[in-house]
N, C-alpha and C. Protein backbone atom coordinates (compact mmCIF):
# COMPACT_ATOMS: atom_id res chain seq x y z
N UNK A 1 107.54 -26.46 170.27
CA UNK A 1 108.86 -25.85 170.18
C UNK A 1 109.00 -25.08 168.86
N UNK A 2 108.59 -25.72 167.75
CA UNK A 2 108.68 -25.08 166.43
C UNK A 2 107.82 -23.82 166.40
N UNK A 3 106.61 -23.89 166.97
CA UNK A 3 105.72 -22.73 166.98
C UNK A 3 106.32 -21.60 167.82
N UNK A 4 106.96 -21.95 168.93
CA UNK A 4 107.59 -20.95 169.79
C UNK A 4 108.70 -20.23 169.04
N UNK A 5 109.51 -21.00 168.32
CA UNK A 5 110.60 -20.41 167.56
C UNK A 5 110.07 -19.48 166.47
N UNK A 6 109.02 -19.92 165.76
CA UNK A 6 108.42 -19.07 164.75
C UNK A 6 107.85 -17.80 165.37
N UNK A 7 107.23 -17.94 166.52
CA UNK A 7 106.67 -16.78 167.21
C UNK A 7 107.76 -15.78 167.59
N UNK A 8 108.88 -16.29 168.09
CA UNK A 8 110.01 -15.41 168.46
C UNK A 8 110.58 -14.72 167.23
N UNK A 9 110.70 -15.46 166.12
CA UNK A 9 111.20 -14.85 164.89
C UNK A 9 110.25 -13.75 164.41
N UNK A 10 108.97 -14.01 164.52
CA UNK A 10 107.97 -13.01 164.13
C UNK A 10 108.08 -11.76 164.98
N UNK A 11 108.26 -11.94 166.30
CA UNK A 11 108.43 -10.80 167.20
C UNK A 11 109.70 -10.04 166.89
N UNK A 12 110.77 -10.75 166.57
CA UNK A 12 112.04 -10.09 166.23
C UNK A 12 111.88 -9.25 164.96
N UNK A 13 111.19 -9.81 163.96
CA UNK A 13 110.95 -9.07 162.72
C UNK A 13 110.08 -7.84 162.97
N UNK A 14 109.05 -8.02 163.76
CA UNK A 14 108.17 -6.91 164.11
C UNK A 14 108.97 -5.83 164.85
N UNK A 15 109.84 -6.24 165.76
CA UNK A 15 110.68 -5.30 166.49
C UNK A 15 111.59 -4.52 165.55
N UNK A 16 112.16 -5.21 164.56
CA UNK A 16 113.04 -4.54 163.60
C UNK A 16 112.26 -3.52 162.78
N UNK A 17 111.05 -3.88 162.38
CA UNK A 17 110.23 -2.95 161.60
C UNK A 17 109.81 -1.75 162.45
N UNK A 18 109.46 -2.01 163.73
CA UNK A 18 109.09 -0.90 164.61
C UNK A 18 110.28 -0.01 164.89
N UNK A 19 111.49 -0.59 165.02
CA UNK A 19 112.69 0.21 165.27
C UNK A 19 112.89 1.22 164.15
N UNK A 20 112.62 0.81 162.92
CA UNK A 20 112.74 1.72 161.79
C UNK A 20 111.73 2.85 161.93
N UNK A 21 110.52 2.54 162.42
CA UNK A 21 109.50 3.57 162.60
C UNK A 21 109.81 4.47 163.80
N UNK A 22 110.70 4.04 164.69
CA UNK A 22 111.08 4.84 165.85
C UNK A 22 112.05 5.96 165.49
N UNK A 23 112.62 5.93 164.29
CA UNK A 23 113.53 7.00 163.88
C UNK A 23 112.71 8.27 163.71
N UNK A 24 113.03 9.30 164.51
CA UNK A 24 112.21 10.51 164.46
C UNK A 24 112.43 11.32 163.19
N UNK A 25 111.51 12.22 162.94
CA UNK A 25 111.60 13.17 161.83
C UNK A 25 111.44 14.56 162.45
N UNK A 26 112.22 15.51 161.96
CA UNK A 26 112.16 16.90 162.45
C UNK A 26 110.71 17.37 162.50
N UNK A 27 110.28 17.83 163.67
CA UNK A 27 108.92 18.35 163.76
C UNK A 27 108.86 19.70 163.04
N UNK A 28 107.73 19.98 162.46
CA UNK A 28 107.52 21.23 161.71
C UNK A 28 108.60 21.42 160.64
N UNK A 29 108.90 20.34 159.92
CA UNK A 29 109.94 20.39 158.89
C UNK A 29 109.60 21.41 157.81
N UNK A 30 110.58 22.26 157.46
CA UNK A 30 110.40 23.29 156.44
C UNK A 30 111.37 23.01 155.29
N UNK A 31 110.86 22.35 154.27
CA UNK A 31 111.69 21.87 153.17
C UNK A 31 112.48 23.00 152.50
N UNK A 32 111.87 24.17 152.32
CA UNK A 32 112.54 25.26 151.62
C UNK A 32 113.82 25.71 152.34
N UNK A 33 113.89 25.53 153.64
CA UNK A 33 115.07 25.93 154.40
C UNK A 33 116.23 24.93 154.27
N UNK A 34 115.97 23.75 153.69
CA UNK A 34 117.03 22.75 153.48
C UNK A 34 117.81 23.02 152.20
N UNK A 35 117.30 23.91 151.36
CA UNK A 35 117.94 24.16 150.07
C UNK A 35 119.30 24.81 150.25
N UNK A 36 120.17 24.55 149.26
CA UNK A 36 121.47 25.19 149.26
C UNK A 36 122.60 24.21 149.49
N UNK A 37 123.77 24.77 149.81
CA UNK A 37 125.00 23.98 149.92
C UNK A 37 125.22 23.50 151.35
N UNK A 38 125.61 22.24 151.46
CA UNK A 38 125.94 21.60 152.73
C UNK A 38 127.28 20.88 152.56
N UNK A 39 128.00 20.72 153.65
CA UNK A 39 129.20 19.86 153.70
C UNK A 39 128.85 18.60 154.46
N UNK A 40 129.30 17.46 153.95
CA UNK A 40 129.14 16.20 154.68
C UNK A 40 130.27 16.13 155.70
N UNK A 41 129.94 16.28 156.96
CA UNK A 41 130.92 16.32 158.04
C UNK A 41 131.11 14.92 158.64
N UNK A 42 130.01 14.19 158.79
CA UNK A 42 130.07 12.87 159.41
C UNK A 42 129.27 11.86 158.61
N UNK A 43 129.75 10.61 158.64
CA UNK A 43 129.06 9.50 157.98
C UNK A 43 129.22 8.27 158.84
N UNK A 44 128.11 7.59 159.08
CA UNK A 44 128.13 6.35 159.84
C UNK A 44 127.29 5.33 159.08
N UNK A 45 127.78 4.10 159.01
CA UNK A 45 127.03 3.07 158.29
C UNK A 45 127.53 1.68 158.67
N UNK A 46 126.62 0.72 158.61
CA UNK A 46 127.01 -0.68 158.83
C UNK A 46 126.99 -1.46 157.51
N UNK A 47 127.04 -0.75 156.40
CA UNK A 47 127.03 -1.42 155.09
C UNK A 47 128.45 -1.88 154.72
N UNK A 48 128.51 -2.87 153.87
CA UNK A 48 129.81 -3.41 153.44
C UNK A 48 130.61 -2.40 152.64
N UNK A 49 129.97 -1.61 151.76
CA UNK A 49 130.72 -0.63 150.97
C UNK A 49 131.39 0.39 151.86
N UNK A 50 130.72 0.77 152.97
CA UNK A 50 131.31 1.74 153.88
C UNK A 50 132.56 1.15 154.55
N UNK A 51 132.46 -0.09 154.99
CA UNK A 51 133.60 -0.74 155.63
C UNK A 51 134.77 -0.84 154.67
N UNK A 52 134.48 -1.12 153.39
CA UNK A 52 135.54 -1.25 152.39
C UNK A 52 136.17 0.10 152.01
N UNK A 53 135.39 1.17 151.99
CA UNK A 53 135.85 2.47 151.49
C UNK A 53 136.14 3.50 152.58
N UNK A 54 135.87 3.17 153.83
CA UNK A 54 135.97 4.13 154.93
C UNK A 54 137.31 4.87 154.95
N UNK A 55 138.39 4.16 154.74
CA UNK A 55 139.73 4.76 154.82
C UNK A 55 140.01 5.75 153.68
N UNK A 56 139.19 5.73 152.63
CA UNK A 56 139.39 6.63 151.49
C UNK A 56 138.49 7.86 151.54
N UNK A 57 137.51 7.86 152.41
CA UNK A 57 136.48 8.89 152.39
C UNK A 57 136.97 10.23 152.91
N UNK A 58 136.45 11.28 152.25
CA UNK A 58 136.76 12.66 152.63
C UNK A 58 135.45 13.46 152.62
N UNK A 59 135.52 14.63 153.22
CA UNK A 59 134.37 15.53 153.24
C UNK A 59 133.96 15.86 151.80
N UNK A 60 132.67 15.94 151.56
CA UNK A 60 132.20 16.33 150.23
C UNK A 60 131.16 17.43 150.37
N UNK A 61 130.80 18.03 149.25
CA UNK A 61 129.75 19.04 149.26
C UNK A 61 128.49 18.46 148.65
N UNK A 62 127.37 18.91 149.17
CA UNK A 62 126.07 18.48 148.68
C UNK A 62 125.21 19.72 148.47
N UNK A 63 124.59 19.81 147.31
CA UNK A 63 123.68 20.91 147.03
C UNK A 63 122.27 20.34 146.89
N UNK A 64 121.36 20.89 147.68
CA UNK A 64 119.97 20.44 147.67
C UNK A 64 119.12 21.52 147.02
N UNK A 65 118.31 21.11 146.04
CA UNK A 65 117.40 22.05 145.38
C UNK A 65 116.06 21.37 145.16
N UNK A 66 115.04 22.18 144.99
CA UNK A 66 113.69 21.65 144.77
C UNK A 66 113.47 21.41 143.28
N UNK A 67 112.77 20.33 142.96
CA UNK A 67 112.37 20.06 141.59
C UNK A 67 111.01 20.73 141.36
N UNK A 68 110.58 20.85 140.10
CA UNK A 68 109.26 21.47 139.83
C UNK A 68 108.10 20.79 140.57
N UNK A 69 108.21 19.47 140.82
CA UNK A 69 107.13 18.77 141.53
C UNK A 69 107.39 18.69 143.03
N UNK A 70 108.30 19.54 143.54
CA UNK A 70 108.54 19.71 144.97
C UNK A 70 109.24 18.52 145.64
N UNK A 71 109.95 17.72 144.85
CA UNK A 71 110.83 16.72 145.43
C UNK A 71 112.19 17.39 145.62
N UNK A 72 113.20 16.62 146.04
CA UNK A 72 114.52 17.20 146.25
C UNK A 72 115.53 16.60 145.28
N UNK A 73 116.26 17.48 144.60
CA UNK A 73 117.41 17.03 143.82
C UNK A 73 118.63 17.22 144.72
N UNK A 74 119.37 16.13 144.92
CA UNK A 74 120.52 16.14 145.81
C UNK A 74 121.75 15.81 144.97
N UNK A 75 122.67 16.78 144.85
CA UNK A 75 123.88 16.60 144.04
C UNK A 75 125.08 16.65 144.97
N UNK A 76 125.77 15.52 145.08
CA UNK A 76 126.96 15.43 145.93
C UNK A 76 128.20 15.39 145.07
N UNK A 77 129.20 16.17 145.45
CA UNK A 77 130.49 16.19 144.76
C UNK A 77 131.53 15.72 145.76
N UNK A 78 132.27 14.68 145.38
CA UNK A 78 133.24 14.11 146.31
C UNK A 78 134.54 13.78 145.58
N UNK A 79 135.66 13.81 146.33
CA UNK A 79 136.94 13.51 145.71
C UNK A 79 137.09 12.02 145.42
N UNK A 80 137.66 11.71 144.27
CA UNK A 80 137.95 10.32 143.93
C UNK A 80 139.27 10.34 143.17
N UNK A 81 140.32 9.88 143.83
CA UNK A 81 141.64 9.94 143.23
C UNK A 81 142.07 11.39 143.08
N UNK A 82 142.43 11.78 141.87
CA UNK A 82 142.90 13.15 141.65
C UNK A 82 141.84 14.03 140.98
N UNK A 83 140.59 13.61 141.03
CA UNK A 83 139.52 14.41 140.45
C UNK A 83 138.26 14.34 141.33
N UNK A 84 137.24 15.05 140.95
CA UNK A 84 135.97 15.03 141.69
C UNK A 84 134.90 14.32 140.87
N UNK A 85 134.01 13.66 141.56
CA UNK A 85 132.88 13.02 140.91
C UNK A 85 131.60 13.58 141.49
N UNK A 86 130.55 13.58 140.66
CA UNK A 86 129.24 14.05 141.11
C UNK A 86 128.26 12.88 141.09
N UNK A 87 127.38 12.89 142.09
CA UNK A 87 126.32 11.90 142.11
C UNK A 87 125.01 12.64 142.31
N UNK A 88 124.07 12.44 141.39
CA UNK A 88 122.75 13.07 141.47
C UNK A 88 121.75 12.06 142.00
N UNK A 89 120.93 12.49 142.95
CA UNK A 89 119.88 11.64 143.50
C UNK A 89 118.58 12.44 143.56
N UNK A 90 117.48 11.78 143.33
CA UNK A 90 116.17 12.41 143.43
C UNK A 90 115.45 11.82 144.63
N UNK A 91 115.26 12.64 145.67
CA UNK A 91 114.55 12.22 146.87
C UNK A 91 113.08 12.59 146.69
N UNK A 92 112.23 11.59 146.70
CA UNK A 92 110.80 11.78 146.50
C UNK A 92 110.10 12.00 147.83
N UNK A 93 109.29 13.05 147.90
CA UNK A 93 108.54 13.36 149.12
C UNK A 93 107.60 12.20 149.46
N UNK A 94 107.37 12.03 150.76
CA UNK A 94 106.34 11.12 151.23
C UNK A 94 105.25 11.96 151.88
N UNK A 95 104.25 11.32 152.43
CA UNK A 95 103.18 12.06 153.10
C UNK A 95 103.67 12.77 154.36
N UNK A 96 104.79 12.28 154.92
CA UNK A 96 105.33 12.87 156.15
C UNK A 96 106.42 13.89 155.80
N UNK A 97 106.21 15.17 156.10
CA UNK A 97 107.25 16.17 155.83
C UNK A 97 108.57 15.80 156.52
N UNK A 98 109.66 15.91 155.76
CA UNK A 98 110.97 15.56 156.30
C UNK A 98 111.38 14.11 156.04
N UNK A 99 110.49 13.36 155.40
CA UNK A 99 110.77 11.96 155.08
C UNK A 99 110.68 11.78 153.57
N UNK A 100 111.68 11.10 153.01
CA UNK A 100 111.79 10.95 151.56
C UNK A 100 112.11 9.50 151.21
N UNK A 101 111.86 9.15 149.95
CA UNK A 101 112.25 7.83 149.47
C UNK A 101 113.14 8.02 148.24
N UNK A 102 114.00 7.05 148.05
CA UNK A 102 114.93 7.09 146.91
C UNK A 102 115.22 5.65 146.53
N UNK A 103 115.24 5.37 145.23
CA UNK A 103 115.64 4.06 144.73
C UNK A 103 116.86 4.26 143.86
N UNK A 104 117.93 3.56 144.18
CA UNK A 104 119.17 3.68 143.43
C UNK A 104 119.01 3.05 142.06
N UNK A 105 119.18 3.83 140.98
CA UNK A 105 119.07 3.25 139.65
C UNK A 105 120.19 2.25 139.37
N UNK A 106 121.32 2.44 140.03
CA UNK A 106 122.47 1.57 139.79
C UNK A 106 122.35 0.23 140.52
N UNK A 107 121.94 0.27 141.79
CA UNK A 107 121.93 -0.94 142.61
C UNK A 107 120.54 -1.48 142.89
N UNK A 108 119.49 -0.67 142.66
CA UNK A 108 118.13 -1.12 142.94
C UNK A 108 117.76 -1.07 144.40
N UNK A 109 118.64 -0.54 145.24
CA UNK A 109 118.35 -0.46 146.67
C UNK A 109 117.32 0.64 146.93
N UNK A 110 116.50 0.41 147.96
CA UNK A 110 115.46 1.36 148.33
C UNK A 110 115.89 2.05 149.63
N UNK A 111 115.74 3.38 149.64
CA UNK A 111 116.20 4.18 150.77
C UNK A 111 115.03 4.93 151.40
N UNK A 112 114.89 4.79 152.72
CA UNK A 112 113.92 5.54 153.52
C UNK A 112 114.73 6.60 154.25
N UNK A 113 114.61 7.86 153.82
CA UNK A 113 115.46 8.96 154.28
C UNK A 113 114.65 9.86 155.20
N UNK A 114 115.23 10.17 156.37
CA UNK A 114 114.53 11.03 157.33
C UNK A 114 115.46 12.14 157.81
N UNK A 115 114.99 13.37 157.74
CA UNK A 115 115.71 14.48 158.37
C UNK A 115 115.33 14.41 159.85
N UNK A 116 116.26 13.94 160.66
CA UNK A 116 115.99 13.69 162.08
C UNK A 116 115.93 15.00 162.85
N UNK A 117 116.92 15.85 162.63
CA UNK A 117 116.90 17.17 163.28
C UNK A 117 117.78 18.14 162.50
N UNK A 118 117.39 19.40 162.53
CA UNK A 118 118.14 20.44 161.85
C UNK A 118 117.73 21.79 162.41
N UNK A 119 118.65 22.75 162.33
CA UNK A 119 118.27 24.14 162.59
C UNK A 119 118.42 24.94 161.29
N UNK A 120 118.63 24.24 160.18
CA UNK A 120 118.65 24.76 158.81
C UNK A 120 119.85 25.64 158.46
N UNK A 121 120.35 26.44 159.39
CA UNK A 121 121.45 27.34 159.05
C UNK A 121 122.79 26.88 159.61
N UNK A 122 122.81 25.76 160.36
CA UNK A 122 124.06 25.26 160.91
C UNK A 122 124.30 23.79 160.57
N UNK A 123 123.34 22.93 160.89
CA UNK A 123 123.54 21.49 160.74
C UNK A 123 122.23 20.77 160.41
N UNK A 124 122.39 19.55 159.89
CA UNK A 124 121.26 18.64 159.68
C UNK A 124 121.73 17.22 159.94
N UNK A 125 120.95 16.47 160.68
CA UNK A 125 121.21 15.07 160.97
C UNK A 125 120.19 14.25 160.19
N UNK A 126 120.68 13.37 159.30
CA UNK A 126 119.82 12.63 158.39
C UNK A 126 120.07 11.13 158.56
N UNK A 127 119.01 10.36 158.74
CA UNK A 127 119.11 8.91 158.89
C UNK A 127 118.46 8.23 157.68
N UNK A 128 119.11 7.18 157.20
CA UNK A 128 118.61 6.43 156.05
C UNK A 128 118.61 4.94 156.37
N UNK A 129 117.46 4.30 156.13
CA UNK A 129 117.37 2.84 156.20
C UNK A 129 117.40 2.35 154.75
N UNK A 130 118.33 1.45 154.46
CA UNK A 130 118.52 0.97 153.10
C UNK A 130 118.12 -0.49 153.02
N UNK A 131 117.28 -0.81 152.04
CA UNK A 131 116.86 -2.20 151.80
C UNK A 131 117.40 -2.63 150.45
N UNK A 132 118.15 -3.73 150.44
CA UNK A 132 118.63 -4.27 149.17
C UNK A 132 118.70 -5.78 149.27
N UNK A 133 118.98 -6.43 148.16
CA UNK A 133 118.93 -7.89 148.10
C UNK A 133 119.91 -8.55 149.07
N UNK A 134 121.01 -7.89 149.40
CA UNK A 134 121.99 -8.48 150.33
C UNK A 134 121.63 -8.24 151.78
N UNK A 135 120.54 -7.51 152.03
CA UNK A 135 120.09 -7.26 153.39
C UNK A 135 120.01 -5.78 153.70
N UNK A 136 119.42 -5.44 154.85
CA UNK A 136 119.24 -4.04 155.21
C UNK A 136 120.52 -3.43 155.79
N UNK A 137 120.61 -2.11 155.70
CA UNK A 137 121.70 -1.40 156.36
C UNK A 137 121.20 -0.03 156.80
N UNK A 138 121.98 0.59 157.67
CA UNK A 138 121.64 1.89 158.22
C UNK A 138 122.75 2.86 157.87
N UNK A 139 122.36 4.10 157.57
CA UNK A 139 123.35 5.14 157.32
C UNK A 139 122.87 6.42 158.01
N UNK A 140 123.82 7.11 158.66
CA UNK A 140 123.53 8.39 159.29
C UNK A 140 124.51 9.40 158.72
N UNK A 141 123.99 10.56 158.30
CA UNK A 141 124.81 11.64 157.75
C UNK A 141 124.68 12.88 158.63
N UNK A 142 125.80 13.57 158.81
CA UNK A 142 125.80 14.86 159.49
C UNK A 142 126.23 15.91 158.47
N UNK A 143 125.31 16.82 158.15
CA UNK A 143 125.59 17.90 157.22
C UNK A 143 125.84 19.19 158.01
N UNK A 144 126.66 20.07 157.43
CA UNK A 144 126.93 21.36 158.03
C UNK A 144 126.98 22.41 156.93
N UNK A 145 126.60 23.63 157.27
CA UNK A 145 126.68 24.73 156.30
C UNK A 145 128.13 25.22 156.16
N UNK A 146 129.00 24.87 157.14
CA UNK A 146 130.41 25.23 157.09
C UNK A 146 131.25 23.96 157.24
N UNK A 147 132.56 24.07 157.07
CA UNK A 147 133.43 22.89 157.13
C UNK A 147 133.72 22.42 158.56
N UNK A 148 133.23 23.17 159.55
CA UNK A 148 133.46 22.78 160.93
C UNK A 148 132.15 22.89 161.72
N UNK A 149 132.02 22.01 162.70
CA UNK A 149 130.87 22.05 163.60
C UNK A 149 131.36 21.99 165.04
N UNK A 150 130.53 22.42 165.95
CA UNK A 150 130.89 22.41 167.37
C UNK A 150 131.05 20.96 167.85
N UNK A 151 131.88 20.77 168.90
CA UNK A 151 132.02 19.43 169.48
C UNK A 151 130.67 18.86 169.94
N UNK A 152 129.74 19.71 170.37
CA UNK A 152 128.42 19.24 170.81
C UNK A 152 127.64 18.62 169.65
N UNK A 153 127.73 19.24 168.47
CA UNK A 153 127.03 18.70 167.29
C UNK A 153 127.67 17.38 166.86
N UNK A 154 128.99 17.31 166.90
CA UNK A 154 129.68 16.07 166.54
C UNK A 154 129.32 14.95 167.53
N UNK A 155 129.22 15.29 168.80
CA UNK A 155 128.84 14.31 169.81
C UNK A 155 127.41 13.85 169.60
N UNK A 156 126.51 14.75 169.25
CA UNK A 156 125.12 14.38 168.99
C UNK A 156 125.03 13.39 167.83
N UNK A 157 125.83 13.64 166.77
CA UNK A 157 125.90 12.72 165.63
C UNK A 157 126.36 11.34 166.08
N UNK A 158 127.43 11.29 166.87
CA UNK A 158 127.95 10.00 167.36
C UNK A 158 126.92 9.31 168.23
N UNK A 159 126.30 10.04 169.15
CA UNK A 159 125.30 9.48 170.05
C UNK A 159 124.11 8.92 169.25
N UNK A 160 123.58 9.71 168.32
CA UNK A 160 122.44 9.26 167.52
C UNK A 160 122.81 8.01 166.70
N UNK A 161 124.01 8.01 166.11
CA UNK A 161 124.45 6.85 165.33
C UNK A 161 124.47 5.59 166.19
N UNK A 162 124.95 5.71 167.42
CA UNK A 162 124.98 4.56 168.34
C UNK A 162 123.57 4.13 168.71
N UNK A 163 122.64 5.09 168.84
CA UNK A 163 121.24 4.76 169.13
C UNK A 163 120.64 3.95 167.98
N UNK A 164 121.19 4.10 166.77
CA UNK A 164 120.72 3.34 165.61
C UNK A 164 121.42 1.98 165.50
N UNK A 165 122.23 1.64 166.49
CA UNK A 165 122.89 0.33 166.52
C UNK A 165 124.26 0.32 165.87
N UNK A 166 124.80 1.48 165.51
CA UNK A 166 126.11 1.53 164.87
C UNK A 166 127.21 1.58 165.93
N UNK A 167 128.36 1.02 165.62
CA UNK A 167 129.48 0.95 166.55
C UNK A 167 130.50 2.05 166.26
N UNK A 168 131.45 2.23 167.17
CA UNK A 168 132.50 3.24 166.97
C UNK A 168 133.23 3.04 165.65
N UNK A 169 133.45 1.80 165.24
CA UNK A 169 134.16 1.50 163.99
C UNK A 169 133.33 1.86 162.76
N UNK A 170 132.04 2.03 162.95
CA UNK A 170 131.14 2.35 161.84
C UNK A 170 130.80 3.85 161.77
N UNK A 171 131.45 4.65 162.61
CA UNK A 171 131.18 6.09 162.69
C UNK A 171 132.44 6.84 162.29
N UNK A 172 132.30 7.80 161.36
CA UNK A 172 133.46 8.51 160.83
C UNK A 172 133.17 10.01 160.74
N UNK A 173 134.07 10.81 161.32
CA UNK A 173 134.07 12.25 161.07
C UNK A 173 134.98 12.42 159.86
N UNK A 174 134.43 12.94 158.78
CA UNK A 174 135.16 12.98 157.50
C UNK A 174 136.26 14.04 157.51
N UNK A 175 137.46 13.67 157.07
CA UNK A 175 138.53 14.66 156.97
C UNK A 175 138.25 15.63 155.82
N UNK A 176 138.73 16.86 155.99
CA UNK A 176 138.54 17.87 154.94
C UNK A 176 139.29 17.48 153.67
N UNK A 177 138.75 17.94 152.56
CA UNK A 177 139.39 17.73 151.27
C UNK A 177 140.43 18.82 151.07
N UNK A 178 141.46 18.55 150.34
CA UNK A 178 142.44 19.58 150.03
C UNK A 178 141.81 20.65 149.15
N UNK A 179 142.24 21.88 149.30
CA UNK A 179 141.68 22.98 148.51
C UNK A 179 141.83 22.75 147.01
N UNK A 180 142.96 22.15 146.59
CA UNK A 180 143.20 21.89 145.18
C UNK A 180 142.07 21.02 144.62
N UNK A 181 141.76 19.95 145.33
CA UNK A 181 140.70 19.04 144.87
C UNK A 181 139.35 19.73 144.88
N UNK A 182 139.09 20.46 145.96
CA UNK A 182 137.78 21.07 146.06
C UNK A 182 137.53 22.04 144.91
N UNK A 183 138.56 22.77 144.53
CA UNK A 183 138.43 23.71 143.43
C UNK A 183 138.12 23.01 142.12
N UNK A 184 138.54 21.74 141.98
CA UNK A 184 138.28 21.00 140.75
C UNK A 184 136.88 20.40 140.75
N UNK A 185 136.31 20.22 141.96
CA UNK A 185 135.05 19.50 142.06
C UNK A 185 133.85 20.29 141.79
């Protein structure tokens, strides 16, 4: 009985690891076409911080640029109270084009980031598996070159998020920021 239980736990762990490997990456990914300004249109996550802050979240801007060693510098500007805050992240390339790693200097969490699909000039769907001491979590981001996307793109984001095990309560289409705030950010 004990061996059976251990075997089942091992299979469950293996399944969870394989599920992470099942997250696709954009075929023929072209990193140079990801550069520039994006708007965060959608965010889905099963992390505790998301559940706590979901009601406060608004659309933000993200600028992606290449570093001299061909990694990605990702600078997000988002509203916080009556001002804007910036967060800089360095996404390190992996051997697989379209897949990056990031370690949060603040929290020590490790992020496996994948550009799932994009057409570069309209939208990008990005999935992140996060590993930290409190346990793993999943995050899906929908980026757009403009502040609005077609209902089909929004539906694809929702569908993909659900395929990653996220529920309706964990999926958010971000409301636009007021122009006053955006100008300050």
